[in-house]
Amino acid sequence: MKTKPQYNCEEVIIWLEKKGVELYGKHFKIIENDHPIIYKLIAYFLKDEQTCFQFNIDLNKGIMLSGPVGCGKTSLMNLMKHLTPTAHKYSVKPCRDISFEFIKEGYEIIHKYSNSAPKTICFDDLGTENNLKYFGNECNVMAEIMLSRYDLFITRKLQTHITTNLSASEIEQTYGNRVRSRLRSTLNLIAFDKDTKDKR
């Protein structure tokens, strides 16, 4: 039997908005239209089994938060870090930064974000990095990292989170069918409406 949630969602949203103002300044606001998305994220990060079951969210998988540019994906994932118990803390890492690291350090970077760093990471803005060359060899860095982290999910239950403004078909086009298939089996998709306005 799934336990009843021990929190008030509206109160959590008020708390998150205060935290957002702290982190991003007075202009930060959580708008009502985004509440359905935020309810799902709160349920997931507070490990609320009952609500996650209703939303068809698997607590063993990570989160893929998708939506158009400027809808607030990165801000929300940074805020949700403050809701998670210490055991489930994660870091948020922009994919563009990883691509720049790859230019400087090469293939060791793939190892750094998979096998040598067995911790939960949110890869922010998947799709903004480019295929890069290291000593003349082209590499789709994020595709390689995702494939490695899929293996860690299977063997060690290691979770990965992602934010992206790519659609499922664009992910397949950019990273290939193999990556798309593995993302589907390791992530819960939570998506903003494609018409969500840019809040910046």
N, C-alpha and C. Protein backbone atom coordinates (compact mmCIF):
# COMPACT_ATOMS: atom_id res chain seq x y z
N MET A 1 0.84 -1.19 0.00
CA MET A 1 0.00 0.00 0.00
C MET A 1 0.89 1.26 0.00
N LYS A 2 0.55 2.21 -0.89
CA LYS A 2 1.35 3.41 -1.02
C LYS A 2 0.94 4.43 0.04
N THR A 3 1.94 5.01 0.71
CA THR A 3 1.65 5.92 1.82
C THR A 3 1.14 7.26 1.32
N LYS A 4 0.29 7.89 2.14
CA LYS A 4 -0.27 9.20 1.80
C LYS A 4 0.81 10.27 1.95
N PRO A 5 0.88 11.24 0.98
CA PRO A 5 1.92 12.26 1.08
C PRO A 5 1.83 13.07 2.37
N GLN A 6 2.99 13.37 2.96
CA GLN A 6 3.06 14.09 4.23
C GLN A 6 3.44 15.56 4.00
N TYR A 7 2.95 16.17 2.96
CA TYR A 7 3.28 17.57 2.68
C TYR A 7 2.10 18.23 1.98
N ASN A 8 2.11 19.56 2.00
CA ASN A 8 1.09 20.35 1.31
C ASN A 8 1.74 20.98 0.08
N CYS A 9 1.25 20.62 -1.08
CA CYS A 9 1.90 21.03 -2.33
C CYS A 9 1.93 22.55 -2.49
N GLU A 10 0.84 23.21 -2.12
CA GLU A 10 0.79 24.67 -2.25
C GLU A 10 1.87 25.32 -1.37
N GLU A 11 2.03 24.78 -0.16
CA GLU A 11 3.05 25.32 0.76
C GLU A 11 4.46 25.11 0.20
N VAL A 12 4.66 23.94 -0.43
CA VAL A 12 5.98 23.65 -1.03
C VAL A 12 6.26 24.64 -2.16
N ILE A 13 5.24 24.94 -2.97
CA ILE A 13 5.41 25.89 -4.08
C ILE A 13 5.77 27.28 -3.54
N ILE A 14 5.10 27.70 -2.46
CA ILE A 14 5.42 29.00 -1.83
C ILE A 14 6.88 29.00 -1.37
N TRP A 15 7.29 27.90 -0.74
CA TRP A 15 8.68 27.78 -0.27
C TRP A 15 9.66 27.82 -1.44
N LEU A 16 9.31 27.12 -2.54
CA LEU A 16 10.18 27.09 -3.72
C LEU A 16 10.30 28.49 -4.34
N GLU A 17 9.19 29.22 -4.35
CA GLU A 17 9.24 30.58 -4.91
C GLU A 17 10.16 31.47 -4.08
N LYS A 18 10.08 31.35 -2.75
CA LYS A 18 10.98 32.13 -1.87
C LYS A 18 12.44 31.76 -2.15
N LYS A 19 12.68 30.46 -2.30
CA LYS A 19 14.04 29.99 -2.59
C LYS A 19 14.50 30.53 -3.95
N GLY A 20 13.58 30.57 -4.91
CA GLY A 20 13.89 31.10 -6.24
C GLY A 20 14.27 32.57 -6.20
N VAL A 21 13.57 33.33 -5.39
CA VAL A 21 13.89 34.76 -5.22
C VAL A 21 15.29 34.90 -4.62
N GLU A 22 15.58 34.02 -3.65
CA GLU A 22 16.91 33.99 -3.01
C GLU A 22 18.02 33.74 -4.04
N LEU A 23 17.75 32.76 -4.93
CA LEU A 23 18.76 32.34 -5.90
C LEU A 23 18.84 33.24 -7.13
N TYR A 24 17.66 33.72 -7.60
CA TYR A 24 17.62 34.39 -8.91
C TYR A 24 17.20 35.86 -8.84
N GLY A 25 16.82 36.35 -7.67
CA GLY A 25 16.44 37.76 -7.55
C GLY A 25 14.93 37.96 -7.48
N LYS A 26 14.56 39.23 -7.21
CA LYS A 26 13.15 39.57 -6.93
C LYS A 26 12.19 39.28 -8.07
N HIS A 27 12.72 39.27 -9.29
CA HIS A 27 11.83 39.05 -10.45
C HIS A 27 11.35 37.59 -10.54
N PHE A 28 11.97 36.67 -9.78
CA PHE A 28 11.60 35.25 -9.90
C PHE A 28 10.17 35.01 -9.42
N LYS A 29 9.41 34.28 -10.24
CA LYS A 29 8.03 33.98 -9.87
C LYS A 29 7.64 32.63 -10.46
N ILE A 30 6.91 31.85 -9.69
CA ILE A 30 6.36 30.60 -10.23
C ILE A 30 4.93 30.90 -10.67
N ILE A 31 4.66 30.76 -11.97
CA ILE A 31 3.33 31.10 -12.47
C ILE A 31 2.39 29.90 -12.38
N GLU A 32 1.11 30.22 -12.26
CA GLU A 32 0.11 29.17 -12.01
C GLU A 32 0.05 28.13 -13.13
N ASN A 33 0.27 28.58 -14.36
CA ASN A 33 0.23 27.65 -15.50
C ASN A 33 1.25 26.52 -15.37
N ASP A 34 2.33 26.79 -14.61
CA ASP A 34 3.39 25.79 -14.46
C ASP A 34 3.14 24.83 -13.29
N HIS A 35 2.11 25.09 -12.49
CA HIS A 35 1.86 24.26 -11.31
C HIS A 35 1.74 22.76 -11.63
N PRO A 36 1.03 22.36 -12.71
CA PRO A 36 0.93 20.91 -13.00
C PRO A 36 2.29 20.24 -13.17
N ILE A 37 3.23 20.94 -13.84
CA ILE A 37 4.60 20.41 -14.02
C ILE A 37 5.29 20.33 -12.66
N ILE A 38 5.15 21.40 -11.88
CA ILE A 38 5.84 21.49 -10.59
C ILE A 38 5.30 20.45 -9.60
N TYR A 39 3.99 20.18 -9.64
CA TYR A 39 3.41 19.12 -8.78
C TYR A 39 4.12 17.79 -9.03
N LYS A 40 4.33 17.49 -10.31
CA LYS A 40 4.98 16.21 -10.65
C LYS A 40 6.42 16.18 -10.14
N LEU A 41 7.14 17.29 -10.33
CA LEU A 41 8.53 17.35 -9.87
C LEU A 41 8.61 17.24 -8.35
N ILE A 42 7.70 17.93 -7.65
CA ILE A 42 7.69 17.87 -6.18
C ILE A 42 7.44 16.43 -5.72
N ALA A 43 6.44 15.78 -6.33
CA ALA A 43 6.12 14.39 -5.95
C ALA A 43 7.33 13.49 -6.17
N TYR A 44 8.02 13.68 -7.29
CA TYR A 44 9.18 12.85 -7.61
C TYR A 44 10.31 13.09 -6.61
N PHE A 45 10.67 14.35 -6.41
CA PHE A 45 11.84 14.64 -5.58
C PHE A 45 11.57 14.46 -4.08
N LEU A 46 10.31 14.46 -3.68
CA LEU A 46 9.98 14.13 -2.28
C LEU A 46 9.65 12.65 -2.12
N LYS A 47 9.84 11.89 -3.20
CA LYS A 47 9.65 10.43 -3.19
C LYS A 47 8.23 10.04 -2.74
N ASP A 48 7.25 10.78 -3.26
CA ASP A 48 5.84 10.54 -2.93
C ASP A 48 5.31 9.44 -3.86
N GLU A 49 5.33 8.22 -3.37
CA GLU A 49 4.98 7.05 -4.19
C GLU A 49 3.56 7.12 -4.74
N GLN A 50 2.63 7.52 -3.90
CA GLN A 50 1.21 7.52 -4.29
C GLN A 50 0.97 8.48 -5.46
N THR A 51 1.45 9.72 -5.33
CA THR A 51 1.23 10.70 -6.39
C THR A 51 2.00 10.32 -7.65
N CYS A 52 3.23 9.83 -7.50
CA CYS A 52 4.01 9.40 -8.66
C CYS A 52 3.32 8.26 -9.41
N PHE A 53 2.71 7.37 -8.66
CA PHE A 53 1.96 6.26 -9.28
C PHE A 53 0.81 6.82 -10.12
N GLN A 54 0.11 7.84 -9.58
CA GLN A 54 -1.01 8.45 -10.32
C GLN A 54 -0.53 9.12 -11.61
N PHE A 55 0.66 9.72 -11.55
CA PHE A 55 1.21 10.41 -12.72
C PHE A 55 2.03 9.48 -13.62
N ASN A 56 2.08 8.20 -13.26
CA ASN A 56 2.86 7.23 -14.03
C ASN A 56 4.35 7.58 -14.06
N ILE A 57 4.85 8.02 -12.90
CA ILE A 57 6.27 8.36 -12.76
C ILE A 57 6.96 7.24 -11.97
N ASP A 58 8.04 6.74 -12.53
CA ASP A 58 8.80 5.66 -11.91
C ASP A 58 9.93 6.27 -11.07
N LEU A 59 9.87 6.06 -9.76
CA LEU A 59 10.87 6.67 -8.86
C LEU A 59 12.27 6.10 -9.05
N ASN A 60 12.38 4.95 -9.71
CA ASN A 60 13.72 4.37 -9.97
C ASN A 60 14.43 5.07 -11.12
N LYS A 61 13.65 5.70 -12.00
CA LYS A 61 14.24 6.37 -13.16
C LYS A 61 14.55 7.83 -12.83
N GLY A 62 15.33 8.46 -13.72
CA GLY A 62 15.59 9.89 -13.60
C GLY A 62 14.48 10.70 -14.26
N ILE A 63 14.72 12.01 -14.39
CA ILE A 63 13.75 12.93 -14.99
C ILE A 63 14.33 13.53 -16.25
N MET A 64 13.51 13.57 -17.32
CA MET A 64 13.84 14.41 -18.47
C MET A 64 12.80 15.52 -18.49
N LEU A 65 13.27 16.75 -18.22
CA LEU A 65 12.37 17.90 -18.22
C LEU A 65 12.56 18.61 -19.55
N SER A 66 11.51 18.58 -20.37
CA SER A 66 11.66 19.17 -21.70
C SER A 66 10.67 20.32 -21.89
N GLY A 67 11.03 21.21 -22.79
CA GLY A 67 10.16 22.36 -23.06
C GLY A 67 10.92 23.40 -23.85
N PRO A 68 10.18 24.41 -24.36
CA PRO A 68 10.83 25.42 -25.20
C PRO A 68 11.84 26.27 -24.44
N VAL A 69 12.67 26.98 -25.18
CA VAL A 69 13.69 27.86 -24.60
C VAL A 69 13.03 28.88 -23.68
N GLY A 70 13.62 29.05 -22.48
CA GLY A 70 13.17 30.11 -21.58
C GLY A 70 11.96 29.78 -20.72
N CYS A 71 11.53 28.49 -20.72
CA CYS A 71 10.32 28.15 -19.93
C CYS A 71 10.65 27.89 -18.46
N GLY A 72 11.93 27.82 -18.11
CA GLY A 72 12.30 27.70 -16.70
C GLY A 72 12.80 26.33 -16.27
N LYS A 73 13.22 25.50 -17.23
CA LYS A 73 13.65 24.12 -16.91
C LYS A 73 14.86 24.10 -15.97
N THR A 74 15.89 24.89 -16.32
CA THR A 74 17.12 24.89 -15.52
C THR A 74 16.85 25.41 -14.11
N SER A 75 16.11 26.52 -14.01
CA SER A 75 15.77 27.09 -12.69
C SER A 75 15.06 26.06 -11.83
N LEU A 76 14.10 25.34 -12.42
CA LEU A 76 13.34 24.35 -11.65
C LEU A 76 14.23 23.22 -11.16
N MET A 77 15.12 22.72 -12.03
CA MET A 77 15.99 21.62 -11.60
C MET A 77 16.98 22.09 -10.54
N ASN A 78 17.40 23.35 -10.61
CA ASN A 78 18.26 23.89 -9.55
C ASN A 78 17.49 24.03 -8.24
N LEU A 79 16.22 24.41 -8.33
CA LEU A 79 15.38 24.53 -7.13
C LEU A 79 15.10 23.17 -6.50
N MET A 80 14.83 22.17 -7.34
CA MET A 80 14.46 20.84 -6.82
C MET A 80 15.60 20.20 -6.03
N LYS A 81 16.84 20.62 -6.31
CA LYS A 81 17.98 20.12 -5.52
C LYS A 81 17.77 20.38 -4.03
N HIS A 82 17.08 21.48 -3.73
CA HIS A 82 16.89 21.87 -2.32
C HIS A 82 15.78 21.07 -1.65
N LEU A 83 15.02 20.32 -2.45
CA LEU A 83 13.96 19.47 -1.89
C LEU A 83 14.45 18.06 -1.62
N THR A 84 15.52 17.68 -2.29
CA THR A 84 15.94 16.27 -2.24
C THR A 84 16.69 15.96 -0.95
N PRO A 85 16.42 14.78 -0.39
CA PRO A 85 17.20 14.35 0.78
C PRO A 85 18.67 14.22 0.39
N THR A 86 19.55 14.34 1.36
CA THR A 86 21.00 14.32 1.10
C THR A 86 21.43 13.12 0.25
N ALA A 87 20.83 11.98 0.52
CA ALA A 87 21.21 10.75 -0.20
C ALA A 87 20.92 10.85 -1.70
N HIS A 88 20.00 11.75 -2.09
CA HIS A 88 19.61 11.85 -3.50
C HIS A 88 20.04 13.17 -4.14
N LYS A 89 20.97 13.87 -3.49
CA LYS A 89 21.44 15.15 -4.05
C LYS A 89 22.08 14.93 -5.42
N TYR A 90 21.97 15.94 -6.26
CA TYR A 90 22.58 15.84 -7.59
C TYR A 90 23.17 17.19 -7.95
N SER A 91 24.07 17.17 -8.94
CA SER A 91 24.63 18.43 -9.44
C SER A 91 24.03 18.71 -10.81
N VAL A 92 23.98 19.99 -11.18
CA VAL A 92 23.47 20.40 -12.50
C VAL A 92 24.66 20.83 -13.34
N LYS A 93 24.84 20.19 -14.48
CA LYS A 93 26.02 20.45 -15.32
C LYS A 93 25.59 20.79 -16.74
N PRO A 94 25.87 22.03 -17.22
CA PRO A 94 25.51 22.38 -18.60
C PRO A 94 26.26 21.52 -19.62
N CYS A 95 25.54 21.02 -20.61
CA CYS A 95 26.17 20.18 -21.64
C CYS A 95 27.22 20.95 -22.43
N ARG A 96 27.00 22.26 -22.62
CA ARG A 96 28.00 23.06 -23.35
C ARG A 96 29.33 23.08 -22.58
N ASP A 97 29.26 23.17 -21.25
CA ASP A 97 30.49 23.16 -20.45
C ASP A 97 31.25 21.84 -20.64
N ILE A 98 30.48 20.74 -20.70
CA ILE A 98 31.11 19.43 -20.90
C ILE A 98 31.80 19.38 -22.25
N SER A 99 31.16 19.97 -23.27
CA SER A 99 31.77 19.96 -24.60
C SER A 99 33.07 20.78 -24.61
N PHE A 100 33.11 21.89 -23.87
CA PHE A 100 34.35 22.67 -23.78
C PHE A 100 35.44 21.90 -23.03
N GLU A 101 35.02 21.18 -22.00
CA GLU A 101 35.98 20.34 -21.26
C GLU A 101 36.57 19.28 -22.18
N PHE A 102 35.73 18.74 -23.06
CA PHE A 102 36.19 17.70 -23.99
C PHE A 102 37.27 18.25 -24.93
N ILE A 103 37.06 19.49 -25.40
CA ILE A 103 38.05 20.11 -26.30
C ILE A 103 39.41 20.19 -25.59
N LYS A 104 39.39 20.52 -24.30
CA LYS A 104 40.64 20.67 -23.55
C LYS A 104 41.24 19.33 -23.12
N GLU A 105 40.38 18.42 -22.66
CA GLU A 105 40.89 17.21 -22.00
C GLU A 105 40.67 15.90 -22.75
N GLY A 106 39.83 15.93 -23.80
CA GLY A 106 39.64 14.74 -24.61
C GLY A 106 38.75 13.68 -23.98
N TYR A 107 38.99 12.42 -24.35
CA TYR A 107 38.08 11.32 -24.02
C TYR A 107 37.97 11.03 -22.53
N GLU A 108 38.90 11.54 -21.75
CA GLU A 108 38.85 11.38 -20.29
C GLU A 108 37.56 11.97 -19.72
N ILE A 109 37.00 12.97 -20.44
CA ILE A 109 35.78 13.65 -19.98
C ILE A 109 34.59 12.68 -19.98
N ILE A 110 34.53 11.79 -20.97
CA ILE A 110 33.45 10.81 -21.02
C ILE A 110 33.52 9.92 -19.78
N HIS A 111 34.72 9.52 -19.44
CA HIS A 111 34.95 8.71 -18.24
C HIS A 111 34.56 9.49 -16.98
N LYS A 112 34.91 10.78 -16.96
CA LYS A 112 34.66 11.64 -15.79
C LYS A 112 33.16 11.69 -15.45
N TYR A 113 32.32 11.77 -16.47
CA TYR A 113 30.88 11.92 -16.21
C TYR A 113 30.12 10.59 -16.23
N SER A 114 30.85 9.52 -16.35
CA SER A 114 30.18 8.21 -16.27
C SER A 114 30.86 7.36 -15.21
N ASN A 115 31.83 6.57 -15.60
CA ASN A 115 32.41 5.58 -14.66
C ASN A 115 33.13 6.17 -13.46
N SER A 116 33.84 7.29 -13.65
CA SER A 116 34.61 7.79 -12.51
C SER A 116 33.80 8.71 -11.60
N ALA A 117 32.56 9.01 -11.99
CA ALA A 117 31.72 9.88 -11.14
C ALA A 117 30.36 9.23 -10.94
N PRO A 118 30.34 8.12 -10.20
CA PRO A 118 29.05 7.41 -10.05
C PRO A 118 28.10 8.14 -9.09
N LYS A 119 27.65 9.33 -9.54
CA LYS A 119 26.69 10.08 -8.74
C LYS A 119 25.62 10.64 -9.67
N THR A 120 24.50 11.04 -9.10
CA THR A 120 23.41 11.58 -9.91
C THR A 120 23.81 12.96 -10.44
N ILE A 121 23.61 13.14 -11.74
CA ILE A 121 23.91 14.42 -12.40
C ILE A 121 22.71 14.81 -13.24
N CYS A 122 22.41 16.12 -13.27
CA CYS A 122 21.42 16.64 -14.21
C CYS A 122 22.20 17.31 -15.34
N PHE A 123 22.10 16.74 -16.54
CA PHE A 123 22.77 17.33 -17.70
C PHE A 123 21.83 18.38 -18.29
N ASP A 124 22.27 19.63 -18.17
CA ASP A 124 21.40 20.76 -18.51
C ASP A 124 21.55 21.16 -19.97
N ASP A 125 20.39 21.37 -20.61
CA ASP A 125 20.36 21.86 -22.00
C ASP A 125 20.98 20.87 -22.98
N LEU A 126 20.56 19.62 -22.91
CA LEU A 126 21.03 18.62 -23.87
C LEU A 126 20.63 19.07 -25.27
N GLY A 127 21.61 19.10 -26.17
CA GLY A 127 21.33 19.52 -27.54
C GLY A 127 21.98 20.85 -27.89
N THR A 128 22.50 21.57 -26.86
CA THR A 128 23.15 22.86 -27.15
C THR A 128 24.64 22.68 -27.44
N GLU A 129 25.16 21.48 -27.13
CA GLU A 129 26.57 21.23 -27.44
C GLU A 129 26.68 20.73 -28.88
N ASN A 130 27.86 20.76 -29.44
CA ASN A 130 28.06 20.30 -30.82
C ASN A 130 28.95 19.06 -30.83
N ASN A 131 28.88 18.33 -31.96
CA ASN A 131 29.88 17.26 -32.16
C ASN A 131 31.25 17.93 -32.23
N LEU A 132 32.19 17.40 -31.48
CA LEU A 132 33.49 18.06 -31.37
C LEU A 132 34.62 17.16 -31.83
N LYS A 133 35.70 17.81 -32.20
CA LYS A 133 36.88 17.05 -32.63
C LYS A 133 37.98 17.17 -31.58
N TYR A 134 38.61 16.05 -31.33
CA TYR A 134 39.77 16.03 -30.44
C TYR A 134 40.89 15.34 -31.21
N PHE A 135 41.93 16.09 -31.52
CA PHE A 135 43.01 15.58 -32.37
C PHE A 135 42.47 14.96 -33.66
N GLY A 136 41.50 15.69 -34.27
CA GLY A 136 40.98 15.26 -35.57
C GLY A 136 39.88 14.22 -35.53
N ASN A 137 39.63 13.61 -34.35
CA ASN A 137 38.57 12.60 -34.26
C ASN A 137 37.28 13.24 -33.76
N GLU A 138 36.22 13.10 -34.55
CA GLU A 138 34.93 13.69 -34.15
C GLU A 138 34.24 12.78 -33.14
N CYS A 139 33.58 13.41 -32.15
CA CYS A 139 32.92 12.61 -31.11
C CYS A 139 31.63 13.29 -30.67
N ASN A 140 30.56 12.52 -30.58
CA ASN A 140 29.31 13.02 -30.00
C ASN A 140 29.41 12.73 -28.50
N VAL A 141 29.97 13.70 -27.79
CA VAL A 141 30.36 13.50 -26.39
C VAL A 141 29.18 13.08 -25.52
N MET A 142 28.05 13.82 -25.63
CA MET A 142 26.90 13.52 -24.77
C MET A 142 26.29 12.16 -25.09
N ALA A 143 26.32 11.77 -26.35
CA ALA A 143 25.80 10.43 -26.71
C ALA A 143 26.61 9.35 -26.00
N GLU A 144 27.93 9.50 -26.00
CA GLU A 144 28.81 8.52 -25.34
C GLU A 144 28.57 8.50 -23.83
N ILE A 145 28.41 9.70 -23.23
CA ILE A 145 28.16 9.77 -21.79
C ILE A 145 26.82 9.11 -21.45
N MET A 146 25.79 9.38 -22.26
CA MET A 146 24.47 8.79 -22.01
C MET A 146 24.50 7.26 -22.09
N LEU A 147 25.23 6.74 -23.07
CA LEU A 147 25.33 5.28 -23.21
C LEU A 147 26.04 4.67 -22.01
N SER A 148 27.10 5.34 -21.54
CA SER A 148 27.83 4.84 -20.36
C SER A 148 26.95 4.90 -19.12
N ARG A 149 26.18 5.98 -18.99
CA ARG A 149 25.34 6.12 -17.80
C ARG A 149 24.15 5.14 -17.83
N TYR A 150 23.74 4.75 -19.02
CA TYR A 150 22.70 3.72 -19.13
C TYR A 150 23.22 2.41 -18.50
N ASP A 151 24.46 2.07 -18.81
CA ASP A 151 25.07 0.85 -18.23
C ASP A 151 25.10 0.94 -16.70
N LEU A 152 25.41 2.15 -16.18
CA LEU A 152 25.45 2.35 -14.73
C LEU A 152 24.05 2.28 -14.11
N PHE A 153 23.05 2.70 -14.88
CA PHE A 153 21.67 2.60 -14.41
C PHE A 153 21.28 1.12 -14.26
N ILE A 154 21.67 0.32 -15.24
CA ILE A 154 21.35 -1.11 -15.22
C ILE A 154 22.11 -1.82 -14.10
N THR A 155 23.40 -1.51 -13.95
CA THR A 155 24.22 -2.26 -12.99
C THR A 155 24.15 -1.71 -11.57
N ARG A 156 24.00 -0.36 -11.44
CA ARG A 156 24.06 0.24 -10.10
C ARG A 156 22.86 1.10 -9.74
N LYS A 157 21.85 1.12 -10.63
CA LYS A 157 20.64 1.94 -10.39
C LYS A 157 20.97 3.44 -10.32
N LEU A 158 22.07 3.85 -10.97
CA LEU A 158 22.47 5.24 -10.94
C LEU A 158 21.52 6.08 -11.80
N GLN A 159 20.99 7.16 -11.21
CA GLN A 159 20.04 8.00 -11.93
C GLN A 159 20.74 9.15 -12.66
N THR A 160 20.12 9.56 -13.76
CA THR A 160 20.56 10.72 -14.53
C THR A 160 19.32 11.58 -14.78
N HIS A 161 19.47 12.89 -14.68
CA HIS A 161 18.40 13.82 -15.06
C HIS A 161 18.87 14.64 -16.25
N ILE A 162 17.92 15.12 -17.03
CA ILE A 162 18.25 15.91 -18.23
C ILE A 162 17.24 17.04 -18.38
N THR A 163 17.71 18.22 -18.83
CA THR A 163 16.79 19.22 -19.35
C THR A 163 17.12 19.39 -20.83
N THR A 164 16.09 19.61 -21.63
CA THR A 164 16.33 19.77 -23.08
C THR A 164 15.16 20.49 -23.72
N ASN A 165 15.43 21.18 -24.82
CA ASN A 165 14.30 21.69 -25.61
C ASN A 165 14.15 20.90 -26.92
N LEU A 166 14.80 19.75 -26.99
CA LEU A 166 14.65 18.86 -28.16
C LEU A 166 13.43 17.97 -28.00
N SER A 167 12.77 17.70 -29.11
CA SER A 167 11.68 16.70 -29.11
C SER A 167 12.30 15.31 -29.20
N ALA A 168 11.48 14.28 -29.02
CA ALA A 168 11.98 12.89 -29.10
C ALA A 168 12.62 12.62 -30.46
N SER A 169 11.99 13.11 -31.54
CA SER A 169 12.55 12.84 -32.88
C SER A 169 13.86 13.62 -33.09
N GLU A 170 13.96 14.82 -32.50
CA GLU A 170 15.21 15.59 -32.61
C GLU A 170 16.33 14.92 -31.81
N ILE A 171 15.97 14.32 -30.67
CA ILE A 171 16.98 13.57 -29.89
C ILE A 171 17.51 12.41 -30.72
N GLU A 172 16.60 11.71 -31.39
CA GLU A 172 17.03 10.57 -32.22
C GLU A 172 17.92 11.04 -33.37
N GLN A 173 17.54 12.17 -33.98
CA GLN A 173 18.32 12.72 -35.10
C GLN A 173 19.73 13.13 -34.64
N THR A 174 19.81 13.71 -33.44
CA THR A 174 21.09 14.23 -32.94
C THR A 174 21.98 13.14 -32.36
N TYR A 175 21.37 12.20 -31.63
CA TYR A 175 22.17 11.23 -30.87
C TYR A 175 22.00 9.78 -31.33
N GLY A 176 21.04 9.55 -32.24
CA GLY A 176 20.85 8.19 -32.75
C GLY A 176 19.76 7.42 -31.99
N ASN A 177 19.27 6.40 -32.64
CA ASN A 177 18.15 5.61 -32.11
C ASN A 177 18.53 4.89 -30.81
N ARG A 178 19.80 4.45 -30.73
CA ARG A 178 20.27 3.70 -29.56
C ARG A 178 20.17 4.57 -28.30
N VAL A 179 20.62 5.83 -28.41
CA VAL A 179 20.56 6.74 -27.26
C VAL A 179 19.11 7.05 -26.90
N ARG A 180 18.29 7.33 -27.92
CA ARG A 180 16.88 7.64 -27.64
C ARG A 180 16.21 6.49 -26.90
N SER A 181 16.46 5.27 -27.35
CA SER A 181 15.87 4.08 -26.73
C SER A 181 16.31 3.95 -25.26
N ARG A 182 17.59 4.21 -25.01
CA ARG A 182 18.09 4.08 -23.63
C ARG A 182 17.57 5.20 -22.74
N LEU A 183 17.43 6.40 -23.29
CA LEU A 183 16.86 7.50 -22.51
C LEU A 183 15.42 7.17 -22.12
N ARG A 184 14.69 6.56 -23.06
CA ARG A 184 13.29 6.21 -22.79
C ARG A 184 13.19 5.22 -21.63
N SER A 185 14.17 4.32 -21.53
CA SER A 185 14.09 3.30 -20.47
C SER A 185 14.70 3.74 -19.15
N THR A 186 15.36 4.92 -19.12
CA THR A 186 15.97 5.37 -17.87
C THR A 186 15.39 6.68 -17.33
N LEU A 187 14.51 7.32 -18.11
CA LEU A 187 14.01 8.64 -17.70
C LEU A 187 12.49 8.73 -17.75
N ASN A 188 11.92 9.47 -16.82
CA ASN A 188 10.51 9.86 -16.87
C ASN A 188 10.43 11.18 -17.63
N LEU A 189 9.59 11.26 -18.64
CA LEU A 189 9.45 12.51 -19.38
C LEU A 189 8.41 13.40 -18.71
N ILE A 190 8.83 14.61 -18.34
CA ILE A 190 7.91 15.64 -17.86
C ILE A 190 8.09 16.82 -18.80
N ALA A 191 7.03 17.21 -19.50
CA ALA A 191 7.18 18.17 -20.59
C ALA A 191 6.29 19.40 -20.43
N PHE A 192 6.89 20.57 -20.62
CA PHE A 192 6.13 21.80 -20.74
C PHE A 192 5.41 21.77 -22.08
N ASP A 193 4.29 22.47 -22.16
CA ASP A 193 3.58 22.62 -23.43
C ASP A 193 4.49 23.37 -24.41
N LYS A 194 4.48 22.97 -25.66
CA LYS A 194 5.39 23.60 -26.64
C LYS A 194 5.09 25.08 -26.86
N ASP A 195 3.88 25.52 -26.45
CA ASP A 195 3.51 26.94 -26.60
C ASP A 195 3.85 27.76 -25.35
N THR A 196 4.50 27.15 -24.35
CA THR A 196 4.86 27.89 -23.13
C THR A 196 5.75 29.07 -23.50
N LYS A 197 5.39 30.25 -22.96
CA LYS A 197 6.11 31.48 -23.34
C LYS A 197 7.47 31.56 -22.64
N ASP A 198 8.39 32.25 -23.30
CA ASP A 198 9.72 32.52 -22.75
C ASP A 198 9.57 33.46 -21.55
N LYS A 199 10.07 33.04 -20.38
CA LYS A 199 9.90 33.84 -19.16
C LYS A 199 11.09 34.76 -18.89
N ARG A 200 12.08 34.71 -19.75
CA ARG A 200 13.26 35.54 -19.49
C ARG A 200 12.98 37.00 -19.79
